[in-house]
Amino acid sequence: MTATITAITSGKGGVGKTFVAANLAAALAARGERVLVLDADLGLANLDVVLNLTPKITLHDVFTGKHTLDEALTEVSPGFTVLLAGSGLVEYSRLTAEVRDKLVETIEAVKPRFDRVLLDTGAGISDVVLYTVSLADEVLIVATPEPTSLTDAYATIKVLASTQGRREIGLVVNQRPANGDARAVRAQLQQVIDRYVSPGLDAPVTLELLGDLPADAAVRDAVRRRQLLLEAYPGSPAAQAIAALAARIVPTP
């Protein structure tokens, strides 16, 4: 039994991708899964900031052989482990053969030890991001209803469909306004995909709405306090939405 690898990515930064990854991991762990979040935003890592952790040993140390993988794994809470990356490391801004090999090696090493590995990727469609996503069994795109976010999400989906053969992609709509409709956001994106991406492919690309997180003041407060939303405000609308997302991914047996 090896872990399911889920890439959590986005077309642009600032849409809450790392926030979703961290809190989804906590919610999945609460459902009995052994979850690892691997901070795969290799040059601009910030998972440590969201979780208020000070990374003493990072993925960089594992890649360079200074420390072992076991030394780099940090348990946040029962069932929830992280593998943090260093920030501001220019050598990870481009995809070298060494980065490729080390990423594969690391993911293969952790797969037997967890039920699910969440790859918190960088934003956009750089070669490092795309290669990281290519290592995943499934992809979750995080987007907000803002036009720029949707445009960049579409661009990412188009590239993943054409270069990686992705035909099913999960969507999490974050920061939905009180009067907004995540289903309309999904329908809008799907319509553009049906028109401009799917024609000419061997099968159409399907976007599945997996989660819908409302704009919630508790999120801003939890981020500012560098706490998991599920711990700081478990009853908040956004926390309940994350729990519902986890339940969709891992249904009750």
C-alpha atoms as a PDB file:
ATOM      1  CA  MET A   1       0.000   0.000   0.000  1.00  0.00           C
ATOM      2  CA  THR A   2       1.515   3.324  -1.048  1.00  0.00           C
ATOM      3  CA  ALA A   3       0.318   6.887  -0.654  1.00  0.00           C
ATOM      4  CA  THR A   4      -1.931   8.701  -3.080  1.00  0.00           C
ATOM      5  CA  ILE A   5       0.027  11.710  -4.350  1.00  0.00           C
ATOM      6  CA  THR A   6      -2.109  14.859  -4.677  1.00  0.00           C
ATOM      7  CA  ALA A   7      -0.663  18.042  -6.178  1.00  0.00           C
ATOM      8  CA  ILE A   8      -2.249  21.225  -4.833  1.00  0.00           C
ATOM      9  CA  THR A   9      -1.456  23.978  -7.301  1.00  0.00           C
ATOM     10  CA  SER A  10      -2.740  27.298  -8.642  1.00  0.00           C
ATOM     11  CA  GLY A  11      -2.397  29.509 -11.670  1.00  0.00           C
ATOM     12  CA  LYS A  12      -1.302  32.499  -9.603  1.00  0.00           C
ATOM     13  CA  GLY A  13      -0.012  33.211  -6.115  1.00  0.00           C
ATOM     14  CA  GLY A  14      -2.068  34.695  -3.310  1.00  0.00           C
ATOM     15  CA  VAL A  15      -5.128  32.463  -3.720  1.00  0.00           C
ATOM     16  CA  GLY A  16      -4.589  30.516  -0.470  1.00  0.00           C
ATOM     17  CA  LYS A  17      -3.016  27.362  -1.903  1.00  0.00           C
ATOM     18  CA  THR A  18      -0.682  26.700   1.040  1.00  0.00           C
ATOM     19  CA  PHE A  19      -3.439  27.582   3.524  1.00  0.00           C
ATOM     20  CA  VAL A  20      -5.701  25.000   1.842  1.00  0.00           C
ATOM     21  CA  ALA A  21      -2.938  22.367   1.771  1.00  0.00           C
ATOM     22  CA  ALA A  22      -2.100  22.742   5.471  1.00  0.00           C
ATOM     23  CA  ASN A  23      -5.677  22.785   6.723  1.00  0.00           C
ATOM     24  CA  LEU A  24      -6.797  20.009   4.364  1.00  0.00           C
ATOM     25  CA  ALA A  25      -3.966  17.853   5.739  1.00  0.00           C
ATOM     26  CA  ALA A  26      -5.186  18.483   9.290  1.00  0.00           C
ATOM     27  CA  ALA A  27      -8.755  17.607   8.268  1.00  0.00           C
ATOM     28  CA  LEU A  28      -7.641  14.404   6.503  1.00  0.00           C
ATOM     29  CA  ALA A  29      -5.583  13.403   9.550  1.00  0.00           C
ATOM     30  CA  ALA A  30      -8.694  13.932  11.678  1.00  0.00           C
ATOM     31  CA  ARG A  31     -10.407  11.392   9.412  1.00  0.00           C
ATOM     32  CA  GLY A  32      -7.730   8.823  10.222  1.00  0.00           C
ATOM     33  CA  GLU A  33      -5.330   9.308   7.318  1.00  0.00           C
ATOM     34  CA  ARG A  34      -1.553   9.502   7.706  1.00  0.00           C
ATOM     35  CA  VAL A  35      -0.806  12.653   5.717  1.00  0.00           C
ATOM     36  CA  LEU A  36       2.421  14.309   4.631  1.00  0.00           C
ATOM     37  CA  VAL A  37       2.528  17.821   3.194  1.00  0.00           C
ATOM     38  CA  LEU A  38       5.667  18.245   1.121  1.00  0.00           C
ATOM     39  CA  ASP A  39       6.465  21.909   0.506  1.00  0.00           C
ATOM     40  CA  ALA A  40       7.322  21.675  -3.169  1.00  0.00           C
ATOM     41  CA  ASP A  41       7.471  25.438  -3.700  1.00  0.00           C
ATOM     42  CA  LEU A  42      11.216  24.913  -3.640  1.00  0.00           C
ATOM     43  CA  GLY A  43      12.412  28.505  -4.017  1.00  0.00           C
ATOM     44  CA  LEU A  44       9.643  30.448  -2.242  1.00  0.00           C
ATOM     45  CA  ALA A  45       8.542  28.085   0.483  1.00  0.00           C
ATOM     46  CA  ASN A  46       6.092  29.390   3.098  1.00  0.00           C
ATOM     47  CA  LEU A  47       4.410  26.338   4.615  1.00  0.00           C
ATOM     48  CA  ASP A  48       6.549  26.961   7.708  1.00  0.00           C
ATOM     49  CA  VAL A  49       5.033  30.460   8.050  1.00  0.00           C
ATOM     50  CA  VAL A  50       1.449  29.157   7.861  1.00  0.00           C
ATOM     51  CA  LEU A  51       2.198  26.546  10.529  1.00  0.00           C
ATOM     52  CA  ASN A  52       4.423  28.781  12.708  1.00  0.00           C
ATOM     53  CA  LEU A  53       7.330  26.387  12.397  1.00  0.00           C
ATOM     54  CA  THR A  54      11.025  27.226  12.262  1.00  0.00           C
ATOM     55  CA  PRO A  55      12.580  24.843   9.759  1.00  0.00           C
ATOM     56  CA  LYS A  56      15.863  23.595  11.191  1.00  0.00           C
ATOM     57  CA  ILE A  57      16.260  20.826   8.626  1.00  0.00           C
ATOM     58  CA  THR A  58      14.717  21.283   5.180  1.00  0.00           C
ATOM     59  CA  LEU A  59      14.278  19.497   1.881  1.00  0.00           C
ATOM     60  CA  HIS A  60      17.417  21.325   0.730  1.00  0.00           C
ATOM     61  CA  ASP A  61      19.411  19.541   3.457  1.00  0.00           C
ATOM     62  CA  VAL A  62      18.007  16.199   2.298  1.00  0.00           C
ATOM     63  CA  PHE A  63      18.778  16.987  -1.362  1.00  0.00           C
ATOM     64  CA  THR A  64      22.387  17.905  -0.501  1.00  0.00           C
ATOM     65  CA  GLY A  65      22.876  14.908   1.801  1.00  0.00           C
ATOM     66  CA  LYS A  66      23.510  17.009   4.916  1.00  0.00           C
ATOM     67  CA  HIS A  67      20.626  15.332   6.728  1.00  0.00           C
ATOM     68  CA  THR A  68      18.472  12.257   6.288  1.00  0.00           C
ATOM     69  CA  LEU A  69      14.833  12.266   5.251  1.00  0.00           C
ATOM     70  CA  ASP A  70      13.831  11.048   8.713  1.00  0.00           C
ATOM     71  CA  GLU A  71      15.535  14.048  10.290  1.00  0.00           C
ATOM     72  CA  ALA A  72      13.642  16.433   8.006  1.00  0.00           C
ATOM     73  CA  LEU A  73      10.153  15.074   8.704  1.00  0.00           C
ATOM     74  CA  THR A  74       8.295  17.160  11.306  1.00  0.00           C
ATOM     75  CA  GLU A  75       5.091  15.955  12.955  1.00  0.00           C
ATOM     76  CA  VAL A  76       2.611  18.812  13.351  1.00  0.00           C
ATOM     77  CA  SER A  77      -0.066  16.754  15.078  1.00  0.00           C
ATOM     78  CA  PRO A  78      -1.025  13.052  15.169  1.00  0.00           C
ATOM     79  CA  GLY A  79      -1.277  11.821  11.580  1.00  0.00           C
ATOM     80  CA  PHE A  80      -0.086  15.126  10.089  1.00  0.00           C
ATOM     81  CA  THR A  81       3.576  15.454   9.080  1.00  0.00           C
ATOM     82  CA  VAL A  82       5.371  18.089   7.003  1.00  0.00           C
ATOM     83  CA  LEU A  83       8.544  18.198   4.964  1.00  0.00           C
ATOM     84  CA  LEU A  84       9.553  21.843   4.762  1.00  0.00           C
ATOM     85  CA  ALA A  85      11.583  23.512   2.029  1.00  0.00           C
ATOM     86  CA  GLY A  86      14.035  26.384   2.327  1.00  0.00           C
ATOM     87  CA  SER A  87      13.070  29.811   1.030  1.00  0.00           C
ATOM     88  CA  GLY A  88      15.057  32.103  -1.257  1.00  0.00           C
ATOM     89  CA  LEU A  89      17.142  29.295  -2.759  1.00  0.00           C
ATOM     90  CA  VAL A  90      17.818  30.452  -6.300  1.00  0.00           C
ATOM     91  CA  GLU A  91      19.140  27.045  -7.353  1.00  0.00           C
ATOM     92  CA  TYR A  92      15.583  25.678  -7.211  1.00  0.00           C
ATOM     93  CA  SER A  93      14.106  28.342  -9.486  1.00  0.00           C
ATOM     94  CA  ARG A  94      14.869  26.202 -12.525  1.00  0.00           C
ATOM     95  CA  LEU A  95      14.492  22.516 -13.201  1.00  0.00           C
ATOM     96  CA  THR A  96      17.846  20.759 -13.287  1.00  0.00           C
ATOM     97  CA  ALA A  97      18.425  17.018 -13.666  1.00  0.00           C
ATOM     98  CA  GLU A  98      19.502  16.934 -10.020  1.00  0.00           C
ATOM     99  CA  VAL A  99      16.295  18.601  -8.782  1.00  0.00           C
ATOM    100  CA  ARG A 100      14.239  16.167 -10.870  1.00  0.00           C
ATOM    101  CA  ASP A 101      16.061  13.130  -9.513  1.00  0.00           C
ATOM    102  CA  LYS A 102      15.963  14.285  -5.880  1.00  0.00           C
ATOM    103  CA  LEU A 103      12.245  15.068  -6.022  1.00  0.00           C
ATOM    104  CA  VAL A 104      11.424  11.631  -7.422  1.00  0.00           C
ATOM    105  CA  GLU A 105      13.735   9.951  -4.917  1.00  0.00           C
ATOM    106  CA  THR A 106      12.133  11.793  -1.985  1.00  0.00           C
ATOM    107  CA  ILE A 107       8.556  11.089  -3.072  1.00  0.00           C
ATOM    108  CA  GLU A 108       9.322   7.407  -3.642  1.00  0.00           C
ATOM    109  CA  ALA A 109      10.870   7.219  -0.165  1.00  0.00           C
ATOM    110  CA  VAL A 110       7.832   8.699   1.625  1.00  0.00           C
ATOM    111  CA  LYS A 111       5.101   6.890  -0.350  1.00  0.00           C
ATOM    112  CA  PRO A 112       5.138   3.665   1.702  1.00  0.00           C
ATOM    113  CA  ARG A 113       4.935   5.594   4.986  1.00  0.00           C
ATOM    114  CA  PHE A 114       1.780   7.650   4.427  1.00  0.00           C
ATOM    115  CA  ASP A 115      -1.759   7.260   3.101  1.00  0.00           C
ATOM    116  CA  ARG A 116      -1.616  10.572   1.257  1.00  0.00           C
ATOM    117  CA  VAL A 117       1.118  12.983   0.225  1.00  0.00           C
ATOM    118  CA  LEU A 118       0.030  16.539  -0.585  1.00  0.00           C
ATOM    119  CA  LEU A 119       2.498  18.366  -2.827  1.00  0.00           C
ATOM    120  CA  ASP A 120       2.151  22.076  -2.101  1.00  0.00           C
ATOM    121  CA  THR A 121       3.559  23.317  -5.417  1.00  0.00           C
ATOM    122  CA  GLY A 122       4.607  26.756  -6.523  1.00  0.00           C
ATOM    123  CA  ALA A 123       2.123  28.857  -8.479  1.00  0.00           C
ATOM    124  CA  GLY A 124       2.037  29.198 -12.249  1.00  0.00           C
ATOM    125  CA  ILE A 125       3.393  27.039 -15.056  1.00  0.00           C
ATOM    126  CA  SER A 126       7.168  27.126 -14.625  1.00  0.00           C
ATOM    127  CA  ASP A 127       9.016  23.919 -15.487  1.00  0.00           C
ATOM    128  CA  VAL A 128       9.634  23.208 -11.772  1.00  0.00           C
ATOM    129  CA  VAL A 129       5.908  23.477 -10.974  1.00  0.00           C
ATOM    130  CA  LEU A 130       4.833  21.411 -13.967  1.00  0.00           C
ATOM    131  CA  TYR A 131       7.357  18.692 -13.245  1.00  0.00           C
ATOM    132  CA  THR A 132       6.239  18.508  -9.602  1.00  0.00           C
ATOM    133  CA  VAL A 133       2.599  18.209 -10.686  1.00  0.00           C
ATOM    134  CA  SER A 134       3.560  15.467 -13.166  1.00  0.00           C
ATOM    135  CA  LEU A 135       4.614  13.282 -10.205  1.00  0.00           C
ATOM    136  CA  ALA A 136       1.099  13.351  -8.707  1.00  0.00           C
ATOM    137  CA  ASP A 137      -1.740  10.870  -9.131  1.00  0.00           C
ATOM    138  CA  GLU A 138      -4.307  13.675  -8.992  1.00  0.00           C
ATOM    139  CA  VAL A 139      -4.410  17.469  -9.169  1.00  0.00           C
ATOM    140  CA  LEU A 140      -6.329  20.062  -7.160  1.00  0.00           C
ATOM    141  CA  ILE A 141      -6.388  23.594  -8.557  1.00  0.00           C
ATOM    142  CA  VAL A 142      -7.088  26.344  -6.007  1.00  0.00           C
ATOM    143  CA  ALA A 143      -8.664  29.490  -7.474  1.00  0.00           C
ATOM    144  CA  THR A 144     -10.625  32.490  -6.253  1.00  0.00           C
ATOM    145  CA  PRO A 145     -13.564  33.994  -8.175  1.00  0.00           C
ATOM    146  CA  GLU A 146     -11.337  36.933  -9.251  1.00  0.00           C
ATOM    147  CA  PRO A 147     -10.978  37.211 -13.050  1.00  0.00           C
ATOM    148  CA  THR A 148      -7.155  37.122 -12.899  1.00  0.00           C
ATOM    149  CA  SER A 149      -7.211  33.951 -10.807  1.00  0.00           C
ATOM    150  CA  LEU A 150      -9.676  32.255 -13.162  1.00  0.00           C
ATOM    151  CA  THR A 151      -7.654  33.269 -16.235  1.00  0.00           C
ATOM    152  CA  ASP A 152      -4.485  31.811 -14.711  1.00  0.00           C
ATOM    153  CA  ALA A 153      -6.319  28.682 -13.520  1.00  0.00           C
ATOM    154  CA  TYR A 154      -7.552  28.148 -17.092  1.00  0.00           C
ATOM    155  CA  ALA A 155      -4.005  28.565 -18.446  1.00  0.00           C
ATOM    156  CA  THR A 156      -2.716  25.988 -15.943  1.00  0.00           C
ATOM    157  CA  ILE A 157      -5.478  23.497 -16.789  1.00  0.00           C
ATOM    158  CA  LYS A 158      -4.771  23.942 -20.503  1.00  0.00           C
ATOM    159  CA  VAL A 159      -1.070  23.173 -20.039  1.00  0.00           C
ATOM    160  CA  LEU A 160      -1.744  20.181 -17.765  1.00  0.00           C
ATOM    161  CA  ALA A 161      -4.227  18.769 -20.280  1.00  0.00           C
ATOM    162  CA  SER A 162      -1.942  19.190 -23.276  1.00  0.00           C
ATOM    163  CA  THR A 163       1.438  18.258 -21.778  1.00  0.00           C
ATOM    164  CA  GLN A 164       0.499  15.705 -19.093  1.00  0.00           C
ATOM    165  CA  GLY A 165      -2.660  14.162 -20.494  1.00  0.00           C
ATOM    166  CA  ARG A 166      -4.713  15.280 -17.491  1.00  0.00           C
ATOM    167  CA  ARG A 167      -8.408  14.730 -18.198  1.00  0.00           C
ATOM    168  CA  GLU A 168      -9.826  15.033 -14.675  1.00  0.00           C
ATOM    169  CA  ILE A 169      -8.832  17.948 -12.453  1.00  0.00           C
ATOM    170  CA  GLY A 170     -10.259  18.894  -9.063  1.00  0.00           C
ATOM    171  CA  LEU A 171     -11.192  22.512  -8.302  1.00  0.00           C
ATOM    172  CA  VAL A 172     -11.295  24.245  -4.929  1.00  0.00           C
ATOM    173  CA  VAL A 173     -12.883  27.704  -5.006  1.00  0.00           C
ATOM    174  CA  ASN A 174     -11.442  29.798  -2.184  1.00  0.00           C
ATOM    175  CA  GLN A 175     -12.585  33.162  -0.795  1.00  0.00           C
ATOM    176  CA  ARG A 176     -16.080  32.850  -2.266  1.00  0.00           C
ATOM    177  CA  PRO A 177     -18.099  35.998  -1.461  1.00  0.00           C
ATOM    178  CA  ALA A 178     -21.267  35.601   0.613  1.00  0.00           C
ATOM    179  CA  ASN A 179     -23.455  36.093  -2.458  1.00  0.00           C
ATOM    180  CA  GLY A 180     -21.185  34.070  -4.760  1.00  0.00           C
ATOM    181  CA  ASP A 181     -21.767  30.628  -6.257  1.00  0.00           C
ATOM    182  CA  ALA A 182     -18.818  28.244  -6.593  1.00  0.00           C
ATOM    183  CA  ARG A 183     -20.806  26.110  -9.030  1.00  0.00           C
ATOM    184  CA  ALA A 184     -21.074  29.106 -11.348  1.00  0.00           C
ATOM    185  CA  VAL A 185     -17.291  29.576 -11.121  1.00  0.00           C
ATOM    186  CA  ARG A 186     -16.762  25.930 -12.025  1.00  0.00           C
ATOM    187  CA  ALA A 187     -19.303  26.159 -14.872  1.00  0.00           C
ATOM    188  CA  GLN A 188     -17.603  29.265 -16.256  1.00  0.00           C
ATOM    189  CA  LEU A 189     -14.196  27.556 -16.292  1.00  0.00           C
ATOM    190  CA  GLN A 190     -15.643  24.331 -17.715  1.00  0.00           C
ATOM    191  CA  GLN A 191     -17.325  26.246 -20.531  1.00  0.00           C
ATOM    192  CA  VAL A 192     -14.027  27.808 -21.619  1.00  0.00           C
ATOM    193  CA  ILE A 193     -12.262  24.427 -21.329  1.00  0.00           C
ATOM    194  CA  ASP A 194     -14.963  22.750 -23.448  1.00  0.00           C
ATOM    195  CA  ARG A 195     -14.585  25.410 -26.096  1.00  0.00           C
ATOM    196  CA  TYR A 196     -10.833  25.909 -26.286  1.00  0.00           C
ATOM    197  CA  VAL A 197      -9.075  22.937 -24.646  1.00  0.00           C
ATOM    198  CA  SER A 198     -11.033  19.711 -25.125  1.00  0.00           C
ATOM    199  CA  PRO A 199     -11.512  19.889 -28.934  1.00  0.00           C
ATOM    200  CA  GLY A 200      -8.699  17.931 -30.536  1.00  0.00           C
ATOM    201  CA  LEU A 201      -7.881  15.932 -27.394  1.00  0.00           C
ATOM    202  CA  ASP A 202      -8.516  12.180 -27.133  1.00  0.00           C
ATOM    203  CA  ALA A 203     -11.069  12.843 -24.352  1.00  0.00           C
ATOM    204  CA  PRO A 204     -12.655  15.956 -22.863  1.00  0.00           C
ATOM    205  CA  VAL A 205     -11.201  17.620 -19.767  1.00  0.00           C
ATOM    206  CA  THR A 206     -13.548  17.477 -16.772  1.00  0.00           C
ATOM    207  CA  LEU A 207     -13.323  19.902 -13.889  1.00  0.00           C
ATOM    208  CA  GLU A 208     -14.796  18.590 -10.629  1.00  0.00           C
ATOM    209  CA  LEU A 209     -15.766  21.065  -7.916  1.00  0.00           C
ATOM    210  CA  LEU A 210     -14.388  19.417  -4.773  1.00  0.00           C
ATOM    211  CA  GLY A 211     -14.444  22.317  -2.355  1.00  0.00           C
ATOM    212  CA  ASP A 212     -15.981  25.723  -1.806  1.00  0.00           C
ATOM    213  CA  LEU A 213     -14.454  27.891   0.929  1.00  0.00           C
ATOM    214  CA  PRO A 214     -16.321  31.081   1.829  1.00  0.00           C
ATOM    215  CA  ALA A 215     -14.598  34.390   2.521  1.00  0.00           C
ATOM    216  CA  ASP A 216     -14.288  34.268   6.296  1.00  0.00           C
ATOM    217  CA  ALA A 217     -12.698  36.713   8.750  1.00  0.00           C
ATOM    218  CA  ALA A 218     -11.568  33.707  10.815  1.00  0.00           C
ATOM    219  CA  VAL A 219      -9.210  32.739   7.969  1.00  0.00           C
ATOM    220  CA  ARG A 220      -7.426  36.096   8.038  1.00  0.00           C
ATOM    221  CA  ASP A 221      -7.146  35.905  11.803  1.00  0.00           C
ATOM    222  CA  ALA A 222      -5.788  32.340  11.802  1.00  0.00           C
ATOM    223  CA  VAL A 223      -3.226  33.232   9.110  1.00  0.00           C
ATOM    224  CA  ARG A 224      -2.156  36.328  11.038  1.00  0.00           C
ATOM    225  CA  ARG A 225      -1.762  34.257  14.198  1.00  0.00           C
ATOM    226  CA  ARG A 226       0.017  31.529  12.193  1.00  0.00           C
ATOM    227  CA  GLN A 227      -2.380  28.865  13.390  1.00  0.00           C
ATOM    228  CA  LEU A 228      -4.337  26.174  11.607  1.00  0.00           C
ATOM    229  CA  LEU A 229      -7.893  27.364  11.041  1.00  0.00           C
ATOM    230  CA  LEU A 230      -9.180  23.965  12.169  1.00  0.00           C
ATOM    231  CA  GLU A 231      -7.499  24.470  15.550  1.00  0.00           C
ATOM    232  CA  ALA A 232      -8.102  28.203  16.033  1.00  0.00           C
ATOM    233  CA  TYR A 233     -11.699  28.397  14.734  1.00  0.00           C
ATOM    234  CA  PRO A 234     -13.025  24.855  14.198  1.00  0.00           C
ATOM    235  CA  GLY A 235     -16.630  26.053  14.057  1.00  0.00           C
ATOM    236  CA  SER A 236     -16.052  28.774  11.460  1.00  0.00           C
ATOM    237  CA  PRO A 237     -17.712  28.471   8.022  1.00  0.00           C
ATOM    238  CA  ALA A 238     -14.354  28.092   6.254  1.00  0.00           C
ATOM    239  CA  ALA A 239     -13.206  25.364   8.690  1.00  0.00           C
ATOM    240  CA  GLN A 240     -16.447  23.472   8.116  1.00  0.00           C
ATOM    241  CA  ALA A 241     -15.922  23.823   4.357  1.00  0.00           C
ATOM    242  CA  ILE A 242     -12.412  22.331   4.663  1.00  0.00           C
ATOM    243  CA  ALA A 243     -13.815  19.440   6.699  1.00  0.00           C
ATOM    244  CA  ALA A 244     -16.383  18.888   3.922  1.00  0.00           C
ATOM    245  CA  LEU A 245     -13.585  18.916   1.316  1.00  0.00           C
ATOM    246  CA  ALA A 246     -11.718  16.243   3.314  1.00  0.00           C
ATOM    247  CA  ALA A 247     -14.904  14.172   3.529  1.00  0.00           C
ATOM    248  CA  ARG A 248     -15.266  14.298  -0.259  1.00  0.00           C
ATOM    249  CA  ILE A 249     -11.681  13.143  -0.720  1.00  0.00           C
ATOM    250  CA  VAL A 250     -11.871  10.436   1.973  1.00  0.00           C
ATOM    251  CA  PRO A 251     -15.524   9.422   2.432  1.00  0.00           C
ATOM    252  CA  THR A 252     -16.612   7.755   5.682  1.00  0.00           C
ATOM    253  CA  PRO A 253     -16.291   3.975   5.202  1.00  0.00           C
END
